Amino acid sequence: MLRIDPEKMEALEKWAADEFRSINGQIEWIIDQALRKNGRLKKKKIHGKDPS
């Protein structure tokens, strides 16, 4: 269960709709971006090469 205040949830719902994502998909995308930005998750390789 995710606990989030109603104002943030409303903003998240709008953002997800603007990008044609589900709320779950949007949350996963936000988390993925934050982890990558902070060096907590390795970049995905595309066809064996780094996406530099």
Protein backbone atom coordinates (compact mmCIF):
# COMPACT_ATOMS: atom_id res chain seq x y z
CA MET A 1 0.00 0.00 0.00
CA LEU A 2 1.24 3.46 -0.86
CA ARG A 3 0.37 6.29 1.46
CA ILE A 4 0.45 9.64 -0.26
CA ASP A 5 -1.38 12.84 0.49
CA PRO A 6 -4.33 13.66 -1.79
CA GLU A 7 -2.72 16.74 -3.35
CA LYS A 8 0.36 14.77 -4.42
CA MET A 9 -1.79 11.91 -5.69
CA GLU A 10 -3.84 14.29 -7.80
CA ALA A 11 -0.66 15.78 -9.30
CA LEU A 12 0.69 12.28 -9.96
CA GLU A 13 -2.54 11.20 -11.67
CA LYS A 14 -2.44 14.24 -13.95
CA TRP A 15 1.25 13.73 -14.77
CA ALA A 16 0.65 10.05 -15.57
CA ALA A 17 -2.31 10.92 -17.82
CA ASP A 18 -0.27 13.60 -19.60
CA GLU A 19 2.37 10.98 -20.45
CA PHE A 20 -0.14 8.21 -21.28
CA ARG A 21 1.01 6.04 -18.38
CA SER A 22 -0.83 4.32 -15.58
CA ILE A 23 -0.21 5.69 -12.11
CA ASN A 24 1.78 2.56 -11.29
CA GLY A 25 3.83 3.01 -14.46
CA GLN A 26 4.47 6.65 -13.60
CA ILE A 27 5.62 5.78 -10.08
CA GLU A 28 7.97 3.11 -11.46
CA TRP A 29 9.36 5.59 -14.02
CA ILE A 30 9.95 8.24 -11.32
CA ILE A 31 11.70 5.73 -9.07
CA ASP A 32 13.80 4.42 -11.97
CA GLN A 33 14.89 7.94 -12.93
CA ALA A 34 15.79 8.84 -9.34
CA LEU A 35 17.79 5.63 -8.84
CA ARG A 36 19.73 6.14 -12.08
CA LYS A 37 20.37 9.83 -11.39
CA ASN A 38 21.83 8.99 -8.00
CA GLY A 39 23.95 6.07 -9.21
CA ARG A 40 21.88 3.48 -7.38
CA LEU A 41 20.91 1.54 -10.50
CA LYS A 42 23.11 0.60 -13.42
CA LYS A 43 22.20 1.83 -16.88
CA LYS A 44 20.59 -0.76 -19.12
CA LYS A 45 22.66 -2.11 -21.96
CA ILE A 46 21.16 -2.10 -25.43
CA HIS A 47 22.33 -4.98 -27.65
CA GLY A 48 25.43 -5.43 -25.49
CA LYS A 49 26.47 -1.78 -25.64
CA ASP A 50 26.20 1.04 -23.11
CA PRO A 51 23.64 3.68 -24.17
CA SER A 52 26.13 6.58 -23.92
